[in-house]
C-alpha cells in the first residue's frame, strides 16, 4: 500500500541515484570495467584474509590483529557476494561467476551457501518488513526480547534452533532442514570447531578454578592447538564480521508498519554504530540506497552515498531512528496512515 505521492518520491529517488551513478561513471571510466573490478576486489580480499592468517602463523602479528584484518577482508567479500546475488559480475560467464561464489563462501564459513542465500535475499526485496522476510528475521529483525535478539545476532545456529517453531507457524514454506543443510559443509565445520573450542576452554577454566588437576593426553592438546589456530584465522574473523553486520542490518530494517521503499529501511550513520560499521563495510550508511537501486555495485554506493543520503533525508527517509530498535523495529506509523 502506497500513495501516489509516495510513488512519485520513490521514482525521484531512484532517478537521482541512477543519475549520480551515471555521472560518476563518466568521471571515472574505469568503473565501466565492472567484471574486472569485481573479480580484482574479491581476490584482494581473499589475499588479505590469507595473508593475515599466514602472518599470524609465522608469529609476525598477534591473534587479535589477525582477527581484525580477517574480519575487514571478509566484510569486503560479503559485499561482493551481495553484488553477485544481483548478477553484477560475469552474468554471462558461469565458470567465473560460480568461482567467485565459492570464494566468498570459503572465507565466510558461518553463512549459508551463496546460491541458497540468493533465493532468500531476492525474496527479501519483495517482502521486506513483513513476517515472510526470512533473511532479516534470521539475523534478529523484529525481535521484541533484547536478550533473544542478542543471542540471534551472535549465534545464528542457536537462534535458528530456538525460533524454528515460530518460523514454522509464520513463514510460508519454511523448512528447518532445508535451511540447515544450506550451510553444509562449511557452516557445519564452522560450528563444530567453534563449539569444540568453547566447550574445552570453559571446561578447562572450571576445573582450574576448582583446583582440580587433569593431565590431558598429548593428542588432545595437539588437537586443541590446531582448533585454536583455526579459530583465530578462520572462525573468529567471520564471527566478528557477522555479529556486527547482524546487529546493523537488523537495526536498520523496519519490521511491521512499513508499506513501501521509503519505509523499509532507515539510514544508520550515528556515531554509536561506527565500531560495528567498520566490520560490515559501512552497511548502515549505504544499504538504503541498495533498496532503491539493487542493480548497483557496492563501491559505487559508497562513493555516491554522501550526496544521496542528503537527498534521501530531504525526501523523508528516516535517519538514526534508534527508538525503533527498542520497539522491535516497527515503523512509526502516523495516525493519518493508520486510519
C-alpha atoms as a PDB file:
ATOM      1  CA  UNK A   1       0.000   0.000   0.000  1.00  0.00           C
ATOM      2  CA  UNK A   2       1.459   3.337  -1.042  1.00  0.00           C
ATOM      3  CA  UNK A   3       0.070   6.719  -2.031  1.00  0.00           C
ATOM      4  CA  UNK A   4       0.573   8.396  -5.390  1.00  0.00           C
ATOM      5  CA  UNK A   5       2.845  10.955  -3.752  1.00  0.00           C
ATOM      6  CA  UNK A   6       4.993   8.170  -2.284  1.00  0.00           C
ATOM      7  CA  UNK A   7       5.318   6.574  -5.719  1.00  0.00           C
ATOM      8  CA  UNK A   8       6.466   9.889  -7.154  1.00  0.00           C
ATOM      9  CA  UNK A   9       9.023  10.367  -4.379  1.00  0.00           C
ATOM     10  CA  UNK A  10      10.353   6.838  -4.848  1.00  0.00           C
ATOM     11  CA  UNK A  11      10.668   7.466  -8.582  1.00  0.00           C
ATOM     12  CA  UNK A  12      12.545  10.718  -7.891  1.00  0.00           C
ATOM     13  CA  UNK A  13      14.940   8.946  -5.539  1.00  0.00           C
ATOM     14  CA  UNK A  14      15.609   6.125  -7.999  1.00  0.00           C
ATOM     15  CA  UNK A  15      16.279   8.595 -10.807  1.00  0.00           C
ATOM     16  CA  UNK A  16      18.546  10.673  -8.585  1.00  0.00           C
ATOM     17  CA  UNK A  17      20.614   7.642  -7.566  1.00  0.00           C
ATOM     18  CA  UNK A  18      20.905   6.447 -11.166  1.00  0.00           C
ATOM     19  CA  UNK A  19      21.937   9.914 -12.337  1.00  0.00           C
ATOM     20  CA  UNK A  20      24.601  10.082  -9.634  1.00  0.00           C
ATOM     21  CA  UNK A  21      25.941   6.743 -10.819  1.00  0.00           C
ATOM     22  CA  UNK A  22      25.831   7.818 -14.464  1.00  0.00           C
ATOM     23  CA  UNK A  23      27.774  10.992 -13.706  1.00  0.00           C
ATOM     24  CA  UNK A  24      30.329   9.054 -11.674  1.00  0.00           C
ATOM     25  CA  UNK A  25      30.879   6.538 -14.472  1.00  0.00           C
ATOM     26  CA  UNK A  26      31.552   9.403 -16.895  1.00  0.00           C
ATOM     27  CA  UNK A  27      34.060  10.922 -14.470  1.00  0.00           C
ATOM     28  CA  UNK A  28      35.733   7.568 -13.774  1.00  0.00           C
ATOM     29  CA  UNK A  29      35.662   5.398 -16.932  1.00  0.00           C
ATOM     30  CA  UNK A  30      37.451   2.632 -15.015  1.00  0.00           C
ATOM     31  CA  UNK A  31      34.144   1.905 -13.281  1.00  0.00           C
ATOM     32  CA  UNK A  32      32.801   0.559 -16.558  1.00  0.00           C
ATOM     33  CA  UNK A  33      35.218  -2.381 -16.234  1.00  0.00           C
ATOM     34  CA  UNK A  34      32.777  -3.887 -13.754  1.00  0.00           C
ATOM     35  CA  UNK A  35      33.699  -7.547 -14.161  1.00  0.00           C
ATOM     36  CA  UNK A  36      37.402  -6.851 -13.758  1.00  0.00           C
ATOM     37  CA  UNK A  37      36.817  -4.630 -10.739  1.00  0.00           C
ATOM     38  CA  UNK A  38      34.586  -7.156  -9.004  1.00  0.00           C
ATOM     39  CA  UNK A  39      36.975 -10.055  -9.501  1.00  0.00           C
ATOM     40  CA  UNK A  40      40.013  -7.949  -8.537  1.00  0.00           C
ATOM     41  CA  UNK A  41      38.387  -6.704  -5.331  1.00  0.00           C
ATOM     42  CA  UNK A  42      37.396 -10.253  -4.392  1.00  0.00           C
ATOM     43  CA  UNK A  43      40.895 -11.610  -4.997  1.00  0.00           C
ATOM     44  CA  UNK A  44      42.392  -8.771  -2.944  1.00  0.00           C
ATOM     45  CA  UNK A  45      40.024  -9.500  -0.062  1.00  0.00           C
ATOM     46  CA  UNK A  46      40.915 -13.215  -0.215  1.00  0.00           C
ATOM     47  CA  UNK A  47      44.606 -12.294  -0.352  1.00  0.00           C
ATOM     48  CA  UNK A  48      44.170 -10.052   2.704  1.00  0.00           C
ATOM     49  CA  UNK A  49      42.399 -12.843   4.550  1.00  0.00           C
ATOM     50  CA  UNK A  50      45.048 -15.460   3.722  1.00  0.00           C
ATOM     51  CA  UNK A  51      47.935 -13.055   4.392  1.00  0.00           C
ATOM     52  CA  UNK A  52      46.656 -12.142   7.839  1.00  0.00           C
ATOM     53  CA  UNK A  53      46.413 -15.839   8.715  1.00  0.00           C
ATOM     54  CA  UNK A  54      49.905 -16.532   7.400  1.00  0.00           C
ATOM     55  CA  UNK A  55      51.409 -13.600   9.325  1.00  0.00           C
ATOM     56  CA  UNK A  56      49.799 -14.925  12.489  1.00  0.00           C
ATOM     57  CA  UNK A  57      51.074 -18.439  11.744  1.00  0.00           C
ATOM     58  CA  UNK A  58      54.707 -17.258  11.475  1.00  0.00           C
ATOM     59  CA  UNK A  59      54.368 -15.034  14.532  1.00  0.00           C
ATOM     60  CA  UNK A  60      54.564 -11.622  12.853  1.00  0.00           C
ATOM     61  CA  UNK A  61      51.194 -10.382  14.146  1.00  0.00           C
ATOM     62  CA  UNK A  62      49.225 -11.277  17.297  1.00  0.00           C
ATOM     63  CA  UNK A  63      45.911 -13.115  17.234  1.00  0.00           C
ATOM     64  CA  UNK A  64      43.767 -10.017  17.775  1.00  0.00           C
ATOM     65  CA  UNK A  65      45.346  -8.303  14.748  1.00  0.00           C
ATOM     66  CA  UNK A  66      44.732 -11.388  12.607  1.00  0.00           C
ATOM     67  CA  UNK A  67      41.076 -11.444  13.639  1.00  0.00           C
ATOM     68  CA  UNK A  68      40.574  -7.745  12.854  1.00  0.00           C
ATOM     69  CA  UNK A  69      42.339  -7.914   9.484  1.00  0.00           C
ATOM     70  CA  UNK A  70      40.463 -11.082   8.596  1.00  0.00           C
ATOM     71  CA  UNK A  71      37.120  -9.524   9.527  1.00  0.00           C
ATOM     72  CA  UNK A  72      37.845  -6.452   7.410  1.00  0.00           C
ATOM     73  CA  UNK A  73      38.723  -8.684   4.451  1.00  0.00           C
ATOM     74  CA  UNK A  74      35.585 -10.781   4.801  1.00  0.00           C
ATOM     75  CA  UNK A  75      33.404  -7.673   5.052  1.00  0.00           C
ATOM     76  CA  UNK A  76      34.551  -6.771   1.538  1.00  0.00           C
ATOM     77  CA  UNK A  77      33.897 -10.322   0.333  1.00  0.00           C
ATOM     78  CA  UNK A  78      30.380 -10.090   1.754  1.00  0.00           C
ATOM     79  CA  UNK A  79      29.695  -7.029  -0.399  1.00  0.00           C
ATOM     80  CA  UNK A  80      30.981  -8.886  -3.446  1.00  0.00           C
ATOM     81  CA  UNK A  81      28.619 -11.772  -2.645  1.00  0.00           C
ATOM     82  CA  UNK A  82      25.766  -9.286  -2.387  1.00  0.00           C
ATOM     83  CA  UNK A  83      26.638  -7.949  -5.834  1.00  0.00           C
ATOM     84  CA  UNK A  84      26.906 -11.471  -7.232  1.00  0.00           C
ATOM     85  CA  UNK A  85      23.432 -12.241  -5.941  1.00  0.00           C
ATOM     86  CA  UNK A  86      22.205  -9.319  -8.057  1.00  0.00           C
ATOM     87  CA  UNK A  87      24.184 -10.543 -11.086  1.00  0.00           C
ATOM     88  CA  UNK A  88      26.619  -7.606 -11.107  1.00  0.00           C
ATOM     89  CA  UNK A  89      29.627  -9.608 -12.315  1.00  0.00           C
ATOM     90  CA  UNK A  90      30.151 -12.210 -15.059  1.00  0.00           C
ATOM     91  CA  UNK A  91      26.464 -12.971 -15.510  1.00  0.00           C
ATOM     92  CA  UNK A  92      27.281 -14.403 -18.965  1.00  0.00           C
ATOM     93  CA  UNK A  93      30.288 -16.405 -17.749  1.00  0.00           C
ATOM     94  CA  UNK A  94      29.119 -19.149 -15.412  1.00  0.00           C
ATOM     95  CA  UNK A  95      32.582 -20.509 -14.653  1.00  0.00           C
ATOM     96  CA  UNK A  96      33.969 -17.265 -13.217  1.00  0.00           C
ATOM     97  CA  UNK A  97      30.641 -16.351 -11.618  1.00  0.00           C
ATOM     98  CA  UNK A  98      30.449 -19.600  -9.655  1.00  0.00           C
ATOM     99  CA  UNK A  99      34.165 -19.441  -8.858  1.00  0.00           C
ATOM    100  CA  UNK A 100      33.531 -16.086  -7.187  1.00  0.00           C
ATOM    101  CA  UNK A 101      30.538 -17.531  -5.324  1.00  0.00           C
ATOM    102  CA  UNK A 102      32.731 -20.331  -3.980  1.00  0.00           C
ATOM    103  CA  UNK A 103      35.450 -17.919  -2.862  1.00  0.00           C
ATOM    104  CA  UNK A 104      33.116 -15.604  -0.945  1.00  0.00           C
ATOM    105  CA  UNK A 105      31.751 -18.613   0.916  1.00  0.00           C
ATOM    106  CA  UNK A 106      35.146 -20.148   1.727  1.00  0.00           C
ATOM    107  CA  UNK A 107      36.286 -17.128   3.731  1.00  0.00           C
ATOM    108  CA  UNK A 108      32.872 -16.602   5.366  1.00  0.00           C
ATOM    109  CA  UNK A 109      32.096 -20.119   6.660  1.00  0.00           C
ATOM    110  CA  UNK A 110      29.328 -19.123   9.070  1.00  0.00           C
ATOM    111  CA  UNK A 111      26.944 -18.186   6.259  1.00  0.00           C
ATOM    112  CA  UNK A 112      24.635 -20.403   4.276  1.00  0.00           C
ATOM    113  CA  UNK A 113      25.866 -21.110   0.774  1.00  0.00           C
ATOM    114  CA  UNK A 114      25.519 -18.087  -1.541  1.00  0.00           C
ATOM    115  CA  UNK A 115      23.308 -19.933  -4.050  1.00  0.00           C
ATOM    116  CA  UNK A 116      20.663 -20.547  -1.380  1.00  0.00           C
ATOM    117  CA  UNK A 117      21.152 -17.067   0.045  1.00  0.00           C
ATOM    118  CA  UNK A 118      20.472 -15.651  -3.407  1.00  0.00           C
ATOM    119  CA  UNK A 119      16.973 -17.108  -3.220  1.00  0.00           C
ATOM    120  CA  UNK A 120      16.125 -15.697   0.202  1.00  0.00           C
ATOM    121  CA  UNK A 121      17.795 -12.340  -0.498  1.00  0.00           C
ATOM    122  CA  UNK A 122      15.793 -11.723  -3.657  1.00  0.00           C
ATOM    123  CA  UNK A 123      12.730 -12.669  -1.615  1.00  0.00           C
ATOM    124  CA  UNK A 124      13.853 -10.087   0.975  1.00  0.00           C
ATOM    125  CA  UNK A 125      13.471  -7.326  -1.614  1.00  0.00           C
ATOM    126  CA  UNK A 126       9.924  -8.470  -2.349  1.00  0.00           C
ATOM    127  CA  UNK A 127       8.678  -8.857   1.233  1.00  0.00           C
ATOM    128  CA  UNK A 128      10.949  -6.572   3.259  1.00  0.00           C
ATOM    129  CA  UNK A 129       9.402  -5.540   6.562  1.00  0.00           C
ATOM    130  CA  UNK A 130       6.945  -8.441   6.717  1.00  0.00           C
ATOM    131  CA  UNK A 131       6.860 -11.765   8.541  1.00  0.00           C
ATOM    132  CA  UNK A 132       7.871 -13.502   5.278  1.00  0.00           C
ATOM    133  CA  UNK A 133      11.272 -11.803   5.168  1.00  0.00           C
ATOM    134  CA  UNK A 134      13.210 -14.789   6.488  1.00  0.00           C
ATOM    135  CA  UNK A 135      16.609 -13.307   5.645  1.00  0.00           C
ATOM    136  CA  UNK A 136      16.231 -10.408   8.070  1.00  0.00           C
ATOM    137  CA  UNK A 137      14.323 -12.400  10.673  1.00  0.00           C
ATOM    138  CA  UNK A 138      17.184 -14.899  10.805  1.00  0.00           C
ATOM    139  CA  UNK A 139      19.541 -12.141  11.981  1.00  0.00           C
ATOM    140  CA  UNK A 140      17.247 -10.610  14.604  1.00  0.00           C
ATOM    141  CA  UNK A 141      14.973  -8.148  12.834  1.00  0.00           C
ATOM    142  CA  UNK A 142      11.614  -7.711  14.574  1.00  0.00           C
ATOM    143  CA  UNK A 143      12.511  -9.465  17.840  1.00  0.00           C
ATOM    144  CA  UNK A 144      10.977  -7.879  20.943  1.00  0.00           C
ATOM    145  CA  UNK A 145      13.133  -9.605  23.551  1.00  0.00           C
ATOM    146  CA  UNK A 146      16.544  -7.894  23.722  1.00  0.00           C
ATOM    147  CA  UNK A 147      18.122 -10.983  25.255  1.00  0.00           C
ATOM    148  CA  UNK A 148      16.856 -13.200  22.436  1.00  0.00           C
ATOM    149  CA  UNK A 149      17.915 -10.610  19.908  1.00  0.00           C
ATOM    150  CA  UNK A 150      21.453 -10.609  21.278  1.00  0.00           C
ATOM    151  CA  UNK A 151      21.532 -14.404  21.056  1.00  0.00           C
ATOM    152  CA  UNK A 152      20.374 -14.387  17.428  1.00  0.00           C
ATOM    153  CA  UNK A 153      22.821 -11.638  16.450  1.00  0.00           C
ATOM    154  CA  UNK A 154      25.749 -13.518  17.996  1.00  0.00           C
ATOM    155  CA  UNK A 155      24.848 -17.134  17.226  1.00  0.00           C
ATOM    156  CA  UNK A 156      22.819 -17.769  14.100  1.00  0.00           C
ATOM    157  CA  UNK A 157      22.546 -21.536  14.596  1.00  0.00           C
ATOM    158  CA  UNK A 158      21.328 -21.392  18.182  1.00  0.00           C
ATOM    159  CA  UNK A 159      18.978 -18.574  17.260  1.00  0.00           C
ATOM    160  CA  UNK A 160      17.562 -20.662  14.421  1.00  0.00           C
ATOM    161  CA  UNK A 161      17.009 -23.662  16.685  1.00  0.00           C
ATOM    162  CA  UNK A 162      15.292 -21.557  19.350  1.00  0.00           C
ATOM    163  CA  UNK A 163      12.959 -19.858  16.855  1.00  0.00           C
ATOM    164  CA  UNK A 164      12.241 -22.678  14.403  1.00  0.00           C
ATOM    165  CA  UNK A 165       8.740 -23.396  15.787  1.00  0.00           C
ATOM    166  CA  UNK A 166       7.830 -19.733  15.443  1.00  0.00           C
ATOM    167  CA  UNK A 167       9.150 -19.663  11.878  1.00  0.00           C
ATOM    168  CA  UNK A 168       7.183 -22.815  11.031  1.00  0.00           C
ATOM    169  CA  UNK A 169       3.979 -21.092  12.122  1.00  0.00           C
ATOM    170  CA  UNK A 170       4.618 -17.730  10.498  1.00  0.00           C
ATOM    171  CA  UNK A 171       6.728 -18.199   7.365  1.00  0.00           C
ATOM    172  CA  UNK A 172       5.279 -19.839   4.287  1.00  0.00           C
ATOM    173  CA  UNK A 173       7.181 -22.943   3.091  1.00  0.00           C
ATOM    174  CA  UNK A 174       9.691 -22.686   5.938  1.00  0.00           C
ATOM    175  CA  UNK A 175      11.775 -25.848   6.331  1.00  0.00           C
ATOM    176  CA  UNK A 176      14.365 -26.118   9.097  1.00  0.00           C
ATOM    177  CA  UNK A 177      16.381 -28.895   7.489  1.00  0.00           C
ATOM    178  CA  UNK A 178      16.475 -27.210   4.085  1.00  0.00           C
ATOM    179  CA  UNK A 179      17.877 -24.070   5.718  1.00  0.00           C
ATOM    180  CA  UNK A 180      20.225 -26.019   7.988  1.00  0.00           C
ATOM    181  CA  UNK A 181      21.558 -28.099   5.099  1.00  0.00           C
ATOM    182  CA  UNK A 182      22.207 -24.940   3.077  1.00  0.00           C
ATOM    183  CA  UNK A 183      25.214 -24.414   5.336  1.00  0.00           C
ATOM    184  CA  UNK A 184      26.767 -27.826   4.711  1.00  0.00           C
ATOM    185  CA  UNK A 185      29.685 -28.428   4.805  1.00  0.00           C
ATOM    186  CA  UNK A 186      31.377 -25.116   5.665  1.00  0.00           C
ATOM    187  CA  UNK A 187      28.895 -23.839   8.233  1.00  0.00           C
ATOM    188  CA  UNK A 188      28.763 -27.291   9.822  1.00  0.00           C
ATOM    189  CA  UNK A 189      32.543 -27.310  10.199  1.00  0.00           C
ATOM    190  CA  UNK A 190      32.460 -23.738  11.499  1.00  0.00           C
ATOM    191  CA  UNK A 191      30.114 -24.581  14.364  1.00  0.00           C
ATOM    192  CA  UNK A 192      31.858 -27.858  15.222  1.00  0.00           C
ATOM    193  CA  UNK A 193      35.164 -26.003  15.578  1.00  0.00           C
ATOM    194  CA  UNK A 194      33.636 -23.045  17.421  1.00  0.00           C
ATOM    195  CA  UNK A 195      31.678 -25.120  19.932  1.00  0.00           C
ATOM    196  CA  UNK A 196      34.622 -27.505  20.477  1.00  0.00           C
ATOM    197  CA  UNK A 197      36.859 -24.531  21.228  1.00  0.00           C
ATOM    198  CA  UNK A 198      34.353 -23.008  23.659  1.00  0.00           C
ATOM    199  CA  UNK A 199      33.500 -26.274  25.426  1.00  0.00           C
ATOM    200  CA  UNK A 200      37.126 -27.217  26.015  1.00  0.00           C
ATOM    201  CA  UNK A 201      38.169 -23.828  27.346  1.00  0.00           C
ATOM    202  CA  UNK A 202      35.074 -23.449  29.519  1.00  0.00           C
ATOM    203  CA  UNK A 203      35.659 -26.907  30.952  1.00  0.00           C
ATOM    204  CA  UNK A 204      39.376 -26.174  31.460  1.00  0.00           C
ATOM    205  CA  UNK A 205      38.562 -22.895  33.211  1.00  0.00           C
ATOM    206  CA  UNK A 206      36.128 -24.606  35.574  1.00  0.00           C
ATOM    207  CA  UNK A 207      38.478 -27.406  36.593  1.00  0.00           C
ATOM    208  CA  UNK A 208      41.329 -24.925  37.064  1.00  0.00           C
ATOM    209  CA  UNK A 209      39.098 -22.681  39.172  1.00  0.00           C
ATOM    210  CA  UNK A 210      38.171 -25.715  41.297  1.00  0.00           C
ATOM    211  CA  UNK A 211      41.879 -26.621  41.645  1.00  0.00           C
ATOM    212  CA  UNK A 212      41.333 -29.986  40.015  1.00  0.00           C
ATOM    213  CA  UNK A 213      44.425 -31.356  38.285  1.00  0.00           C
ATOM    214  CA  UNK A 214      43.762 -33.046  34.950  1.00  0.00           C
ATOM    215  CA  UNK A 215      46.517 -34.370  32.729  1.00  0.00           C
ATOM    216  CA  UNK A 216      45.236 -34.063  29.188  1.00  0.00           C
ATOM    217  CA  UNK A 217      46.667 -36.546  26.669  1.00  0.00           C
ATOM    218  CA  UNK A 218      49.196 -35.163  24.201  1.00  0.00           C
ATOM    219  CA  UNK A 219      46.979 -35.880  21.182  1.00  0.00           C
ATOM    220  CA  UNK A 220      44.171 -33.834  22.705  1.00  0.00           C
ATOM    221  CA  UNK A 221      46.418 -30.830  23.352  1.00  0.00           C
ATOM    222  CA  UNK A 222      47.739 -31.036  19.797  1.00  0.00           C
ATOM    223  CA  UNK A 223      44.159 -31.053  18.544  1.00  0.00           C
ATOM    224  CA  UNK A 224      43.279 -28.106  20.799  1.00  0.00           C
ATOM    225  CA  UNK A 225      46.245 -26.155  19.417  1.00  0.00           C
ATOM    226  CA  UNK A 226      45.032 -26.695  15.869  1.00  0.00           C
ATOM    227  CA  UNK A 227      41.462 -25.805  16.811  1.00  0.00           C
ATOM    228  CA  UNK A 228      42.679 -22.610  18.494  1.00  0.00           C
ATOM    229  CA  UNK A 229      44.692 -21.689  15.412  1.00  0.00           C
ATOM    230  CA  UNK A 230      41.663 -22.321  13.185  1.00  0.00           C
ATOM    231  CA  UNK A 231      39.516 -20.162  15.441  1.00  0.00           C
ATOM    232  CA  UNK A 232      41.908 -17.219  15.139  1.00  0.00           C
ATOM    233  CA  UNK A 233      42.464 -17.337  11.375  1.00  0.00           C
ATOM    234  CA  UNK A 234      39.091 -18.629  10.077  1.00  0.00           C
ATOM    235  CA  UNK A 235      36.354 -18.717  12.712  1.00  0.00           C
ATOM    236  CA  UNK A 236      36.756 -15.528  14.767  1.00  0.00           C
ATOM    237  CA  UNK A 237      37.037 -13.123  11.786  1.00  0.00           C
ATOM    238  CA  UNK A 238      33.746 -14.427  10.411  1.00  0.00           C
ATOM    239  CA  UNK A 239      32.168 -14.307  13.857  1.00  0.00           C
ATOM    240  CA  UNK A 240      33.181 -10.668  14.351  1.00  0.00           C
ATOM    241  CA  UNK A 241      32.037  -9.641  10.888  1.00  0.00           C
ATOM    242  CA  UNK A 242      28.681 -11.406  11.044  1.00  0.00           C
ATOM    243  CA  UNK A 243      27.851 -10.214  14.574  1.00  0.00           C
ATOM    244  CA  UNK A 244      28.479  -6.604  13.536  1.00  0.00           C
ATOM    245  CA  UNK A 245      26.526  -6.984  10.298  1.00  0.00           C
ATOM    246  CA  UNK A 246      23.638  -8.788  12.011  1.00  0.00           C
ATOM    247  CA  UNK A 247      23.340  -6.012  14.574  1.00  0.00           C
ATOM    248  CA  UNK A 248      23.433  -3.233  11.989  1.00  0.00           C
ATOM    249  CA  UNK A 249      21.143  -4.798   9.392  1.00  0.00           C
ATOM    250  CA  UNK A 250      18.568  -5.999  11.928  1.00  0.00           C
ATOM    251  CA  UNK A 251      18.530  -2.484  13.384  1.00  0.00           C
ATOM    252  CA  UNK A 252      18.174  -0.547  10.143  1.00  0.00           C
ATOM    253  CA  UNK A 253      15.424  -2.650   8.536  1.00  0.00           C
ATOM    254  CA  UNK A 254      11.906  -1.941   9.748  1.00  0.00           C
ATOM    255  CA  UNK A 255       9.583  -4.787  10.661  1.00  0.00           C
ATOM    256  CA  UNK A 256       5.853  -4.181  10.547  1.00  0.00           C
ATOM    257  CA  UNK A 257       4.184  -0.890   9.679  1.00  0.00           C
ATOM    258  CA  UNK A 258       6.355  -0.496   6.570  1.00  0.00           C
ATOM    259  CA  UNK A 259       4.458  -0.057   3.320  1.00  0.00           C
ATOM    260  CA  UNK A 260       6.976   0.855   0.613  1.00  0.00           C
ATOM    261  CA  UNK A 261      10.633   1.526  -0.121  1.00  0.00           C
ATOM    262  CA  UNK A 262      10.501   4.842   1.727  1.00  0.00           C
ATOM    263  CA  UNK A 263       9.673   2.906   4.880  1.00  0.00           C
ATOM    264  CA  UNK A 264      11.562  -0.378   4.521  1.00  0.00           C
ATOM    265  CA  UNK A 265      14.843   0.907   5.921  1.00  0.00           C
ATOM    266  CA  UNK A 266      16.409   3.778   7.770  1.00  0.00           C
ATOM    267  CA  UNK A 267      19.912   5.164   7.316  1.00  0.00           C
ATOM    268  CA  UNK A 268      22.119   4.380  10.310  1.00  0.00           C
ATOM    269  CA  UNK A 269      25.146   6.652  10.465  1.00  0.00           C
ATOM    270  CA  UNK A 270      25.077   7.593  14.137  1.00  0.00           C
ATOM    271  CA  UNK A 271      28.498   7.590  15.777  1.00  0.00           C
ATOM    272  CA  UNK A 272      27.358   4.842  18.150  1.00  0.00           C
ATOM    273  CA  UNK A 273      27.314   2.436  15.217  1.00  0.00           C
ATOM    274  CA  UNK A 274      30.779   3.294  13.917  1.00  0.00           C
ATOM    275  CA  UNK A 275      32.602   0.347  15.555  1.00  0.00           C
ATOM    276  CA  UNK A 276      30.061  -2.049  14.022  1.00  0.00           C
ATOM    277  CA  UNK A 277      30.056  -0.303  10.629  1.00  0.00           C
ATOM    278  CA  UNK A 278      33.803  -0.841  10.438  1.00  0.00           C
ATOM    279  CA  UNK A 279      33.352  -4.601  10.139  1.00  0.00           C
ATOM    280  CA  UNK A 280      30.391  -4.576   7.740  1.00  0.00           C
ATOM    281  CA  UNK A 281      31.749  -2.058   5.243  1.00  0.00           C
ATOM    282  CA  UNK A 282      29.641   0.942   6.248  1.00  0.00           C
ATOM    283  CA  UNK A 283      26.473  -1.093   5.677  1.00  0.00           C
ATOM    284  CA  UNK A 284      24.110   1.027   7.768  1.00  0.00           C
ATOM    285  CA  UNK A 285      25.066   4.191   5.916  1.00  0.00           C
ATOM    286  CA  UNK A 286      24.616   2.810   2.399  1.00  0.00           C
ATOM    287  CA  UNK A 287      22.194  -0.122   2.355  1.00  0.00           C
ATOM    288  CA  UNK A 288      19.097   2.053   1.990  1.00  0.00           C
ATOM    289  CA  UNK A 289      20.445   3.154  -1.387  1.00  0.00           C
ATOM    290  CA  UNK A 290      20.541  -0.501  -2.409  1.00  0.00           C
ATOM    291  CA  UNK A 291      16.841  -0.919  -1.666  1.00  0.00           C
ATOM    292  CA  UNK A 292      16.026   1.768  -4.212  1.00  0.00           C
ATOM    293  CA  UNK A 293      18.547   0.619  -6.843  1.00  0.00           C
ATOM    294  CA  UNK A 294      19.586  -3.023  -6.295  1.00  0.00           C
ATOM    295  CA  UNK A 295      21.466  -3.221  -9.600  1.00  0.00           C
ATOM    296  CA  UNK A 296      24.454  -1.188  -8.460  1.00  0.00           C
ATOM    297  CA  UNK A 297      27.927  -2.352  -7.329  1.00  0.00           C
ATOM    298  CA  UNK A 298      28.700  -1.714  -3.682  1.00  0.00           C
ATOM    299  CA  UNK A 299      31.706   0.530  -4.331  1.00  0.00           C
ATOM    300  CA  UNK A 300      29.556   2.946  -6.358  1.00  0.00           C
ATOM    301  CA  UNK A 301      27.068   3.115  -3.473  1.00  0.00           C
ATOM    302  CA  UNK A 302      29.904   4.035  -1.146  1.00  0.00           C
ATOM    303  CA  UNK A 303      31.165   6.830  -3.388  1.00  0.00           C
ATOM    304  CA  UNK A 304      27.781   8.458  -4.018  1.00  0.00           C
ATOM    305  CA  UNK A 305      26.321   7.864  -0.542  1.00  0.00           C
ATOM    306  CA  UNK A 306      27.114  11.310   0.869  1.00  0.00           C
ATOM    307  CA  UNK A 307      25.081  13.175  -1.756  1.00  0.00           C
ATOM    308  CA  UNK A 308      22.381  10.541  -1.997  1.00  0.00           C
ATOM    309  CA  UNK A 309      21.821  10.464   1.767  1.00  0.00           C
ATOM    310  CA  UNK A 310      21.232  14.220   1.797  1.00  0.00           C
ATOM    311  CA  UNK A 311      18.591  13.701  -0.876  1.00  0.00           C
ATOM    312  CA  UNK A 312      17.050  10.765   0.995  1.00  0.00           C
ATOM    313  CA  UNK A 313      16.664  12.861   4.127  1.00  0.00           C
ATOM    314  CA  UNK A 314      15.002  15.639   2.113  1.00  0.00           C
ATOM    315  CA  UNK A 315      12.533  13.116   0.738  1.00  0.00           C
ATOM    316  CA  UNK A 316      11.520  11.780   4.141  1.00  0.00           C
ATOM    317  CA  UNK A 317      13.612   8.636   4.618  1.00  0.00           C
ATOM    318  CA  UNK A 318      14.344   8.241   8.321  1.00  0.00           C
ATOM    319  CA  UNK A 319      17.823   8.591   9.787  1.00  0.00           C
ATOM    320  CA  UNK A 320      19.081   7.139  13.068  1.00  0.00           C
ATOM    321  CA  UNK A 321      15.664   6.174  14.402  1.00  0.00           C
ATOM    322  CA  UNK A 322      17.205   4.483  17.416  1.00  0.00           C
ATOM    323  CA  UNK A 323      13.876   4.169  19.240  1.00  0.00           C
ATOM    324  CA  UNK A 324      12.687   1.673  16.624  1.00  0.00           C
ATOM    325  CA  UNK A 325      15.269  -0.821  17.901  1.00  0.00           C
ATOM    326  CA  UNK A 326      13.569  -0.751  21.288  1.00  0.00           C
ATOM    327  CA  UNK A 327      10.197  -1.191  19.582  1.00  0.00           C
ATOM    328  CA  UNK A 328      11.092  -4.396  17.697  1.00  0.00           C
ATOM    329  CA  UNK A 329      11.928  -2.334  14.586  1.00  0.00           C
ATOM    330  CA  UNK A 330       8.347  -1.305  13.969  1.00  0.00           C
ATOM    331  CA  UNK A 331       7.972   1.614  11.612  1.00  0.00           C
ATOM    332  CA  UNK A 332       6.405   4.594  13.428  1.00  0.00           C
ATOM    333  CA  UNK A 333       3.117   4.834  11.553  1.00  0.00           C
ATOM    334  CA  UNK A 334       1.430   8.227  11.756  1.00  0.00           C
ATOM    335  CA  UNK A 335      -2.273   8.411  12.760  1.00  0.00           C
ATOM    336  CA  UNK A 336      -3.092   9.547   9.236  1.00  0.00           C
ATOM    337  CA  UNK A 337      -1.591   6.427   7.698  1.00  0.00           C
ATOM    338  CA  UNK A 338      -3.034   4.188  10.387  1.00  0.00           C
ATOM    339  CA  UNK A 339      -6.543   5.394   9.570  1.00  0.00           C
END
